[in-house]
Amino acid sequence: YLLEWSRKEKLEQPVYETEQRAQDRAFQSTVM
């Protein structure tokens, strides 16, 4: 949905930056 909205608004595609915690291998992502 976010990808399609970005295209509709003629914006650059969303870019995701994801990191992984060492202690439990869990993930957290930031989208631009």
Full PDB file with SEQRES, HELIX, SHEET, SSBOND, CRYST1, ORIGX, SCALE, CONECT and MASTER records, all heavy atoms in Angstrom:
SEQRES   1 A   32  TYR LEU LEU GLU TRP SER ARG LYS GLU LYS LEU GLU GLN          
SEQRES   2 A   32  PRO VAL TYR GLU THR GLU GLN ARG ALA GLN ASP ARG ALA          
SEQRES   3 A   32  PHE GLN SER THR VAL MET                                      
HELIX    1 AA1 LEU A    2  LYS A    8  1                                   7    
SHEET    1 AA1 2 TYR A  16  GLN A  20  0                                        
SHEET    2 AA1 2 PHE A  27  VAL A  31 -1                                        
CRYST1    1.000    1.000    1.000  90.00  90.00  90.00 P 1           1          
ORIGX1      1.000000  0.000000  0.000000        0.00000                         
ORIGX2      0.000000  1.000000  0.000000        0.00000                         
ORIGX3      0.000000  0.000000  1.000000        0.00000                         
SCALE1      1.000000  0.000000  0.000000        0.00000                         
SCALE2      0.000000  1.000000  0.000000        0.00000                         
SCALE3      0.000000  0.000000  1.000000        0.00000                         
ATOM      1  N   TYR A   1       0.831  -1.208   0.000  1.00  0.00           N  
ATOM      2  CA  TYR A   1       0.000   0.000   0.000  1.00  0.00           C  
ATOM      3  C   TYR A   1       0.868   1.261   0.000  1.00  0.00           C  
ATOM      4  O   TYR A   1       0.574   2.240  -0.703  1.00  0.00           O  
ATOM      5  CB  TYR A   1      -0.934  -0.001   1.216  1.00  0.00           C  
ATOM      6  CG  TYR A   1      -2.290  -0.593   0.923  1.00  0.00           C  
ATOM      7  CD1 TYR A   1      -2.426  -1.958   0.655  1.00  0.00           C  
ATOM      8  CD2 TYR A   1      -3.431   0.189   0.875  1.00  0.00           C  
ATOM      9  CE1 TYR A   1      -3.657  -2.518   0.369  1.00  0.00           C  
ATOM     10  CE2 TYR A   1      -4.680  -0.353   0.589  1.00  0.00           C  
ATOM     11  CZ  TYR A   1      -4.785  -1.701   0.334  1.00  0.00           C  
ATOM     12  OH  TYR A   1      -6.007  -2.245   0.037  1.00  0.00           O  
ATOM     13  N   LEU A   2       1.939   1.237   0.784  1.00  0.00           N  
ATOM     14  CA  LEU A   2       2.820   2.399   0.835  1.00  0.00           C  
ATOM     15  C   LEU A   2       3.527   2.607  -0.499  1.00  0.00           C  
ATOM     16  O   LEU A   2       3.690   3.749  -0.976  1.00  0.00           O  
ATOM     17  CB  LEU A   2       3.846   2.220   1.958  1.00  0.00           C  
ATOM     18  CG  LEU A   2       4.760   3.410   2.230  1.00  0.00           C  
ATOM     19  CD1 LEU A   2       3.970   4.679   2.513  1.00  0.00           C  
ATOM     20  CD2 LEU A   2       5.706   3.087   3.388  1.00  0.00           C  
ATOM     21  N   LEU A   3       3.938   1.525  -1.126  1.00  0.00           N  
ATOM     22  CA  LEU A   3       4.590   1.604  -2.430  1.00  0.00           C  
ATOM     23  C   LEU A   3       3.651   2.203  -3.474  1.00  0.00           C  
ATOM     24  O   LEU A   3       4.026   3.114  -4.230  1.00  0.00           O  
ATOM     25  CB  LEU A   3       5.047   0.209  -2.858  1.00  0.00           C  
ATOM     26  CG  LEU A   3       5.627   0.075  -4.271  1.00  0.00           C  
ATOM     27  CD1 LEU A   3       6.886   0.912  -4.421  1.00  0.00           C  
ATOM     28  CD2 LEU A   3       5.911  -1.385  -4.582  1.00  0.00           C  
ATOM     29  N   GLU A   4       2.413   1.702  -3.508  1.00  0.00           N  
ATOM     30  CA  GLU A   4       1.457   2.204  -4.497  1.00  0.00           C  
ATOM     31  C   GLU A   4       1.094   3.674  -4.245  1.00  0.00           C  
ATOM     32  O   GLU A   4       0.935   4.453  -5.180  1.00  0.00           O  
ATOM     33  CB  GLU A   4       0.196   1.339  -4.490  1.00  0.00           C  
ATOM     34  CG  GLU A   4       0.417  -0.083  -4.990  1.00  0.00           C  
ATOM     35  CD  GLU A   4       0.843  -0.112  -6.447  1.00  0.00           C  
ATOM     36  OE1 GLU A   4       0.376   0.736  -7.233  1.00  0.00           O  
ATOM     37  OE2 GLU A   4       1.670  -0.967  -6.791  1.00  0.00           O  
ATOM     38  N   TRP A   5       0.961   4.059  -2.971  1.00  0.00           N  
ATOM     39  CA  TRP A   5       0.659   5.460  -2.661  1.00  0.00           C  
ATOM     40  C   TRP A   5       1.803   6.368  -3.113  1.00  0.00           C  
ATOM     41  O   TRP A   5       1.585   7.446  -3.670  1.00  0.00           O  
ATOM     42  CB  TRP A   5       0.409   5.625  -1.168  1.00  0.00           C  
ATOM     43  CG  TRP A   5       0.156   7.057  -0.770  1.00  0.00           C  
ATOM     44  CD1 TRP A   5      -1.008   7.746  -0.884  1.00  0.00           C  
ATOM     45  CD2 TRP A   5       1.116   7.969  -0.216  1.00  0.00           C  
ATOM     46  NE1 TRP A   5      -0.847   9.036  -0.435  1.00  0.00           N  
ATOM     47  CE2 TRP A   5       0.447   9.202  -0.026  1.00  0.00           C  
ATOM     48  CE3 TRP A   5       2.461   7.864   0.132  1.00  0.00           C  
ATOM     49  CZ2 TRP A   5       1.089  10.317   0.510  1.00  0.00           C  
ATOM     50  CZ3 TRP A   5       3.103   8.972   0.663  1.00  0.00           C  
ATOM     51  CH2 TRP A   5       2.418  10.181   0.844  1.00  0.00           C  
ATOM     52  N   SER A   6       3.043   5.926  -2.878  1.00  0.00           N  
ATOM     53  CA  SER A   6       4.212   6.716  -3.284  1.00  0.00           C  
ATOM     54  C   SER A   6       4.226   6.914  -4.795  1.00  0.00           C  
ATOM     55  O   SER A   6       4.532   8.012  -5.287  1.00  0.00           O  
ATOM     56  CB  SER A   6       5.502   6.024  -2.823  1.00  0.00           C  
ATOM     57  OG  SER A   6       5.525   5.893  -1.416  1.00  0.00           O  
ATOM     58  N   ARG A   7       3.902   5.884  -5.532  1.00  0.00           N  
ATOM     59  CA  ARG A   7       3.860   6.008  -6.989  1.00  0.00           C  
ATOM     60  C   ARG A   7       2.759   6.971  -7.427  1.00  0.00           C  
ATOM     61  O   ARG A   7       2.946   7.789  -8.319  1.00  0.00           O  
ATOM     62  CB  ARG A   7       3.627   4.634  -7.608  1.00  0.00           C  
ATOM     63  CG  ARG A   7       4.837   3.727  -7.522  1.00  0.00           C  
ATOM     64  CD  ARG A   7       4.467   2.333  -7.972  1.00  0.00           C  
ATOM     65  NE  ARG A   7       5.650   1.505  -8.123  1.00  0.00           N  
ATOM     66  CZ  ARG A   7       5.617   0.197  -8.251  1.00  0.00           C  
ATOM     67  NH1 ARG A   7       4.457  -0.433  -8.218  1.00  0.00           N  
ATOM     68  NH2 ARG A   7       6.729  -0.498  -8.390  1.00  0.00           N  
ATOM     69  N   LYS A   8       1.614   6.837  -6.772  1.00  0.00           N  
ATOM     70  CA  LYS A   8       0.484   7.698  -7.114  1.00  0.00           C  
ATOM     71  C   LYS A   8       0.825   9.165  -6.879  1.00  0.00           C  
ATOM     72  O   LYS A   8       0.420  10.057  -7.643  1.00  0.00           O  
ATOM     73  CB  LYS A   8      -0.730   7.295  -6.272  1.00  0.00           C  
ATOM     74  CG  LYS A   8      -2.001   8.070  -6.581  1.00  0.00           C  
ATOM     75  CD  LYS A   8      -3.144   7.575  -5.709  1.00  0.00           C  
ATOM     76  CE  LYS A   8      -4.411   8.375  -5.955  1.00  0.00           C  
ATOM     77  NZ  LYS A   8      -5.523   7.925  -5.083  1.00  0.00           N  
ATOM     78  N   GLU A   9       1.583   9.424  -5.803  1.00  0.00           N  
ATOM     79  CA  GLU A   9       1.984  10.793  -5.467  1.00  0.00           C  
ATOM     80  C   GLU A   9       3.258  11.222  -6.192  1.00  0.00           C  
ATOM     81  O   GLU A   9       3.785  12.306  -5.948  1.00  0.00           O  
ATOM     82  CB  GLU A   9       2.192  10.909  -3.957  1.00  0.00           C  
ATOM     83  CG  GLU A   9       0.942  10.653  -3.135  1.00  0.00           C  
ATOM     84  CD  GLU A   9      -0.155  11.661  -3.416  1.00  0.00           C  
ATOM     85  OE1 GLU A   9       0.151  12.866  -3.463  1.00  0.00           O  
ATOM     86  OE2 GLU A   9      -1.323  11.236  -3.601  1.00  0.00           O  
ATOM     87  N   LYS A  10       3.775  10.326  -7.049  1.00  0.00           N  
ATOM     88  CA  LYS A  10       4.999  10.591  -7.818  1.00  0.00           C  
ATOM     89  C   LYS A  10       6.186  10.891  -6.894  1.00  0.00           C  
ATOM     90  O   LYS A  10       7.008  11.775  -7.153  1.00  0.00           O  
ATOM     91  CB  LYS A  10       4.785  11.740  -8.808  1.00  0.00           C  
ATOM     92  CG  LYS A  10       3.753  11.394  -9.896  1.00  0.00           C  
ATOM     93  CD  LYS A  10       3.594  12.507 -10.896  1.00  0.00           C  
ATOM     94  CE  LYS A  10       2.785  12.077 -12.104  1.00  0.00           C  
ATOM     95  NZ  LYS A  10       1.501  11.436 -11.783  1.00  0.00           N  
ATOM     96  N   LEU A  11       6.265  10.137  -5.809  1.00  0.00           N  
ATOM     97  CA  LEU A  11       7.382  10.230  -4.870  1.00  0.00           C  
ATOM     98  C   LEU A  11       8.383   9.116  -5.171  1.00  0.00           C  
ATOM     99  O   LEU A  11       8.062   8.133  -5.842  1.00  0.00           O  
ATOM    100  CB  LEU A  11       6.886  10.082  -3.431  1.00  0.00           C  
ATOM    101  CG  LEU A  11       5.879  11.116  -2.944  1.00  0.00           C  
ATOM    102  CD1 LEU A  11       5.345  10.716  -1.567  1.00  0.00           C  
ATOM    103  CD2 LEU A  11       6.517  12.513  -2.883  1.00  0.00           C  
ATOM    104  N   GLU A  12       9.578   9.265  -4.635  1.00  0.00           N  
ATOM    105  CA  GLU A  12      10.546   8.180  -4.740  1.00  0.00           C  
ATOM    106  C   GLU A  12      10.030   6.986  -3.939  1.00  0.00           C  
ATOM    107  O   GLU A  12       9.292   7.134  -2.965  1.00  0.00           O  
ATOM    108  CB  GLU A  12      11.910   8.626  -4.203  1.00  0.00           C  
ATOM    109  CG  GLU A  12      12.594   9.665  -5.074  1.00  0.00           C  
ATOM    110  CD  GLU A  12      13.996   9.963  -4.576  1.00  0.00           C  
ATOM    111  OE1 GLU A  12      14.465   9.266  -3.638  1.00  0.00           O  
ATOM    112  OE2 GLU A  12      14.628  10.892  -5.115  1.00  0.00           O  
ATOM    113  N   GLN A  13      10.442   5.803  -4.360  1.00  0.00           N  
ATOM    114  CA  GLN A  13      10.002   4.600  -3.666  1.00  0.00           C  
ATOM    115  C   GLN A  13      10.480   4.601  -2.212  1.00  0.00           C  
ATOM    116  O   GLN A  13      11.569   5.092  -1.913  1.00  0.00           O  
ATOM    117  CB  GLN A  13      10.532   3.361  -4.367  1.00  0.00           C  
ATOM    118  CG  GLN A  13       9.915   3.140  -5.734  1.00  0.00           C  
ATOM    119  CD  GLN A  13      10.474   1.903  -6.402  1.00  0.00           C  
ATOM    120  OE1 GLN A  13      11.310   1.215  -5.836  1.00  0.00           O  
ATOM    121  NE2 GLN A  13      10.028   1.621  -7.605  1.00  0.00           N  
ATOM    122  N   PRO A  14       9.676   4.055  -1.295  1.00  0.00           N  
ATOM    123  CA  PRO A  14      10.122   3.958   0.097  1.00  0.00           C  
ATOM    124  C   PRO A  14      11.418   3.160   0.207  1.00  0.00           C  
ATOM    125  O   PRO A  14      11.619   2.177  -0.509  1.00  0.00           O  
ATOM    126  CB  PRO A  14       8.965   3.212   0.780  1.00  0.00           C  
ATOM    127  CG  PRO A  14       7.782   3.430  -0.120  1.00  0.00           C  
ATOM    128  CD  PRO A  14       8.328   3.512  -1.504  1.00  0.00           C  
ATOM    129  N   VAL A  15      12.287   3.604   1.102  1.00  0.00           N  
ATOM    130  CA  VAL A  15      13.550   2.911   1.341  1.00  0.00           C  
ATOM    131  C   VAL A  15      13.586   2.464   2.802  1.00  0.00           C  
ATOM    132  O   VAL A  15      13.338   3.263   3.709  1.00  0.00           O  
ATOM    133  CB  VAL A  15      14.754   3.820   1.037  1.00  0.00           C  
ATOM    134  CG1 VAL A  15      16.055   3.104   1.377  1.00  0.00           C  
ATOM    135  CG2 VAL A  15      14.752   4.236  -0.432  1.00  0.00           C  
ATOM    136  N   TYR A  16      13.877   1.195   3.023  1.00  0.00           N  
ATOM    137  CA  TYR A  16      13.869   0.614   4.362  1.00  0.00           C  
ATOM    138  C   TYR A  16      15.283   0.365   4.856  1.00  0.00           C  
ATOM    139  O   TYR A  16      16.103  -0.216   4.143  1.00  0.00           O  
ATOM    140  CB  TYR A  16      13.087  -0.708   4.360  1.00  0.00           C  
ATOM    141  CG  TYR A  16      11.632  -0.533   4.034  1.00  0.00           C  
ATOM    142  CD1 TYR A  16      11.200  -0.458   2.702  1.00  0.00           C  
ATOM    143  CD2 TYR A  16      10.687  -0.417   5.036  1.00  0.00           C  
ATOM    144  CE1 TYR A  16       9.865  -0.284   2.389  1.00  0.00           C  
ATOM    145  CE2 TYR A  16       9.338  -0.238   4.735  1.00  0.00           C  
ATOM    146  CZ  TYR A  16       8.935  -0.166   3.416  1.00  0.00           C  
ATOM    147  OH  TYR A  16       7.615   0.020   3.103  1.00  0.00           O  
ATOM    148  N   GLU A  17      15.549   0.804   6.063  1.00  0.00           N  
ATOM    149  CA  GLU A  17      16.833   0.533   6.714  1.00  0.00           C  
ATOM    150  C   GLU A  17      16.546  -0.335   7.925  1.00  0.00           C  
ATOM    151  O   GLU A  17      15.840   0.074   8.852  1.00  0.00           O  
ATOM    152  CB  GLU A  17      17.504   1.836   7.147  1.00  0.00           C  
ATOM    153  CG  GLU A  17      18.842   1.615   7.843  1.00  0.00           C  
ATOM    154  CD  GLU A  17      19.498   2.932   8.244  1.00  0.00           C  
ATOM    155  OE1 GLU A  17      19.457   3.882   7.438  1.00  0.00           O  
ATOM    156  OE2 GLU A  17      20.044   2.988   9.359  1.00  0.00           O  
ATOM    157  N   THR A  18      17.059  -1.551   7.919  1.00  0.00           N  
ATOM    158  CA  THR A  18      16.732  -2.531   8.956  1.00  0.00           C  
ATOM    159  C   THR A  18      17.982  -2.930   9.725  1.00  0.00           C  
ATOM    160  O   THR A  18      19.023  -3.180   9.133  1.00  0.00           O  
ATOM    161  CB  THR A  18      16.093  -3.784   8.327  1.00  0.00           C  
ATOM    162  OG1 THR A  18      14.923  -3.397   7.608  1.00  0.00           O  
ATOM    163  CG2 THR A  18      15.698  -4.799   9.395  1.00  0.00           C  
ATOM    164  N   GLU A  19      17.842  -2.981  11.045  1.00  0.00           N  
ATOM    165  CA  GLU A  19      18.959  -3.413  11.881  1.00  0.00           C  
ATOM    166  C   GLU A  19      18.546  -4.592  12.744  1.00  0.00           C  
ATOM    167  O   GLU A  19      17.358  -4.778  13.026  1.00  0.00           O  
ATOM    168  CB  GLU A  19      19.472  -2.266  12.757  1.00  0.00           C  
ATOM    169  CG  GLU A  19      18.451  -1.646  13.675  1.00  0.00           C  
ATOM    170  CD  GLU A  19      19.023  -0.486  14.467  1.00  0.00           C  
ATOM    171  OE1 GLU A  19      20.254  -0.470  14.654  1.00  0.00           O  
ATOM    172  OE2 GLU A  19      18.254   0.381  14.896  1.00  0.00           O  
ATOM    173  N   GLN A  20      19.532  -5.368  13.157  1.00  0.00           N  
ATOM    174  CA  GLN A  20      19.283  -6.566  13.946  1.00  0.00           C  
ATOM    175  C   GLN A  20      20.069  -6.493  15.248  1.00  0.00           C  
ATOM    176  O   GLN A  20      21.271  -6.261  15.247  1.00  0.00           O  
ATOM    177  CB  GLN A  20      19.689  -7.820  13.166  1.00  0.00           C  
ATOM    178  CG  GLN A  20      19.372  -9.122  13.886  1.00  0.00           C  
ATOM    179  CD  GLN A  20      19.729 -10.338  13.063  1.00  0.00           C  
ATOM    180  OE1 GLN A  20      20.595 -10.281  12.192  1.00  0.00           O  
ATOM    181  NE2 GLN A  20      19.075 -11.455  13.327  1.00  0.00           N  
ATOM    182  N   ARG A  21      19.371  -6.682  16.352  1.00  0.00           N  
ATOM    183  CA  ARG A  21      20.026  -6.682  17.664  1.00  0.00           C  
ATOM    184  C   ARG A  21      20.848  -7.948  17.841  1.00  0.00           C  
ATOM    185  O   ARG A  21      20.383  -9.042  17.514  1.00  0.00           O  
ATOM    186  CB  ARG A  21      18.981  -6.617  18.793  1.00  0.00           C  
ATOM    187  CG  ARG A  21      18.495  -5.246  19.107  1.00  0.00           C  
ATOM    188  CD  ARG A  21      17.747  -5.188  20.423  1.00  0.00           C  
ATOM    189  NE  ARG A  21      16.664  -6.160  20.536  1.00  0.00           N  
ATOM    190  CZ  ARG A  21      15.502  -5.905  21.130  1.00  0.00           C  
ATOM    191  NH1 ARG A  21      15.269  -4.708  21.629  1.00  0.00           N  
ATOM    192  NH2 ARG A  21      14.573  -6.839  21.226  1.00  0.00           N  
ATOM    193  N   ALA A  22      22.024  -7.818  18.413  1.00  0.00           N  
ATOM    194  CA  ALA A  22      22.886  -8.981  18.592  1.00  0.00           C  
ATOM    195  C   ALA A  22      22.357  -9.914  19.670  1.00  0.00           C  
ATOM    196  O   ALA A  22      22.451 -11.136  19.548  1.00  0.00           O  
ATOM    197  CB  ALA A  22      24.306  -8.528  18.943  1.00  0.00           C  
ATOM    198  N   GLN A  23      21.777  -9.350  20.753  1.00  0.00           N  
ATOM    199  CA  GLN A  23      21.444 -10.198  21.894  1.00  0.00           C  
ATOM    200  C   GLN A  23      20.316 -11.175  21.632  1.00  0.00           C  
ATOM    201  O   GLN A  23      20.312 -12.304  22.148  1.00  0.00           O  
ATOM    202  CB  GLN A  23      21.113  -9.347  23.131  1.00  0.00           C  
ATOM    203  CG  GLN A  23      19.871  -8.460  22.992  1.00  0.00           C  
ATOM    204  CD  GLN A  23      20.218  -7.058  22.537  1.00  0.00           C  
ATOM    205  OE1 GLN A  23      21.108  -6.875  21.714  1.00  0.00           O  
ATOM    206  NE2 GLN A  23      19.517  -6.071  23.089  1.00  0.00           N  
ATOM    207  N   ASP A  24      19.303 -10.787  20.835  1.00  0.00           N  
ATOM    208  CA  ASP A  24      18.187 -11.694  20.598  1.00  0.00           C  
ATOM    209  C   ASP A  24      17.846 -11.855  19.123  1.00  0.00           C  
ATOM    210  O   ASP A  24      16.848 -12.483  18.777  1.00  0.00           O  
ATOM    211  CB  ASP A  24      16.940 -11.236  21.359  1.00  0.00           C  
ATOM    212  CG  ASP A  24      16.468  -9.853  20.919  1.00  0.00           C  
ATOM    213  OD1 ASP A  24      17.131  -9.256  20.048  1.00  0.00           O  
ATOM    214  OD2 ASP A  24      15.456  -9.376  21.463  1.00  0.00           O  
ATOM    215  N   ARG A  25      18.650 -11.253  18.240  1.00  0.00           N  
ATOM    216  CA  ARG A  25      18.499 -11.370  16.794  1.00  0.00           C  
ATOM    217  C   ARG A  25      17.159 -10.811  16.306  1.00  0.00           C  
ATOM    218  O   ARG A  25      16.667 -11.194  15.252  1.00  0.00           O  
ATOM    219  CB  ARG A  25      18.661 -12.834  16.352  1.00  0.00           C  
ATOM    220  CG  ARG A  25      19.985 -13.446  16.739  1.00  0.00           C  
ATOM    221  CD  ARG A  25      20.084 -14.908  16.361  1.00  0.00           C  
ATOM    222  NE  ARG A  25      20.028 -15.112  14.926  1.00  0.00           N  
ATOM    223  CZ  ARG A  25      21.052 -14.979  14.099  1.00  0.00           C  
ATOM    224  NH1 ARG A  25      22.230 -14.618  14.577  1.00  0.00           N  
ATOM    225  NH2 ARG A  25      20.914 -15.197  12.812  1.00  0.00           N  
ATOM    226  N   ALA A  26      16.574  -9.907  17.079  1.00  0.00           N  
ATOM    227  CA  ALA A  26      15.328  -9.260  16.666  1.00  0.00           C  
ATOM    228  C   ALA A  26      15.628  -8.127  15.690  1.00  0.00           C  
ATOM    229  O   ALA A  26      16.759  -7.610  15.633  1.00  0.00           O  
ATOM    230  CB  ALA A  26      14.576  -8.730  17.877  1.00  0.00           C  
ATOM    231  N   PHE A  27      14.600  -7.709  14.936  1.00  0.00           N  
ATOM    232  CA  PHE A  27      14.781  -6.717  13.874  1.00  0.00           C  
ATOM    233  C   PHE A  27      13.936  -5.467  14.139  1.00  0.00           C  
ATOM    234  O   PHE A  27      12.845  -5.548  14.692  1.00  0.00           O  
ATOM    235  CB  PHE A  27      14.374  -7.304  12.518  1.00  0.00           C  
ATOM    236  CG  PHE A  27      15.261  -8.424  12.034  1.00  0.00           C  
ATOM    237  CD1 PHE A  27      15.033  -9.729  12.447  1.00  0.00           C  
ATOM    238  CD2 PHE A  27      16.318  -8.178  11.177  1.00  0.00           C  
ATOM    239  CE1 PHE A  27      15.832 -10.772  12.004  1.00  0.00           C  
ATOM    240  CE2 PHE A  27      17.131  -9.206  10.730  1.00  0.00           C  
ATOM    241  CZ  PHE A  27      16.889 -10.507  11.145  1.00  0.00           C  
ATOM    242  N   GLN A  28      14.472  -4.328  13.683  1.00  0.00           N  
ATOM    243  CA  GLN A  28      13.729  -3.073  13.698  1.00  0.00           C  
ATOM    244  C   GLN A  28      14.061  -2.326  12.409  1.00  0.00           C  
ATOM    245  O   GLN A  28      15.204  -2.263  11.995  1.00  0.00           O  
ATOM    246  CB  GLN A  28      14.124  -2.229  14.907  1.00  0.00           C  
ATOM    247  CG  GLN A  28      13.261  -0.988  15.097  1.00  0.00           C  
ATOM    248  CD  GLN A  28      13.691  -0.195  16.325  1.00  0.00           C  
ATOM    249  OE1 GLN A  28      14.834   0.240  16.410  1.00  0.00           O  
ATOM    250  NE2 GLN A  28      12.781  -0.021  17.280  1.00  0.00           N  
ATOM    251  N   SER A  29      13.023  -1.774  11.775  1.00  0.00           N  
ATOM    252  CA  SER A  29      13.212  -1.142  10.476  1.00  0.00           C  
ATOM    253  C   SER A  29      12.728   0.296  10.503  1.00  0.00           C  
ATOM    254  O   SER A  29      11.767   0.638  11.201  1.00  0.00           O  
ATOM    255  CB  SER A  29      12.441  -1.926   9.405  1.00  0.00           C  
ATOM    256  OG  SER A  29      12.698  -1.402   8.118  1.00  0.00           O  
ATOM    257  N   THR A  30      13.395   1.138   9.745  1.00  0.00           N  
ATOM    258  CA  THR A  30      13.000   2.531   9.548  1.00  0.00           C  
ATOM    259  C   THR A  30      12.757   2.741   8.062  1.00  0.00           C  
ATOM    260  O   THR A  30      13.583   2.339   7.238  1.00  0.00           O  
ATOM    261  CB  THR A  30      14.093   3.495  10.036  1.00  0.00           C  
ATOM    262  OG1 THR A  30      14.357   3.251  11.412  1.00  0.00           O  
ATOM    263  CG2 THR A  30      13.665   4.946   9.851  1.00  0.00           C  
ATOM    264  N   VAL A  31      11.624   3.353   7.730  1.00  0.00           N  
ATOM    265  CA  VAL A  31      11.324   3.607   6.329  1.00  0.00           C  
ATOM    266  C   VAL A  31      11.409   5.100   6.050  1.00  0.00           C  
ATOM    267  O   VAL A  31      10.954   5.919   6.849  1.00  0.00           O  
ATOM    268  CB  VAL A  31       9.932   3.055   5.927  1.00  0.00           C  
ATOM    269  CG1 VAL A  31       8.804   3.717   6.712  1.00  0.00           C  
ATOM    270  CG2 VAL A  31       9.701   3.201   4.431  1.00  0.00           C  
ATOM    271  N   MET A  32      12.021   5.436   4.927  1.00  0.00           N  
ATOM    272  CA  MET A  32      12.140   6.834   4.487  1.00  0.00           C  
ATOM    273  C   MET A  32      11.143   7.070   3.360  1.00  0.00           C  
ATOM    274  O   MET A  32      11.179   6.409   2.323  1.00  0.00           O  
ATOM    275  CB  MET A  32      13.560   7.120   3.994  1.00  0.00           C  
ATOM    276  CG  MET A  32      13.726   8.484   3.349  1.00  0.00           C  
ATOM    277  SD  MET A  32      13.978   9.817   4.526  1.00  0.00           S  
ATOM    278  CE  MET A  32      15.706   9.567   4.960  1.00  0.00           C  
TER     279      MET A  32                                                      
MASTER        0    0    0    1    2    0    0    6  278    1    0    3          
END                                                                             
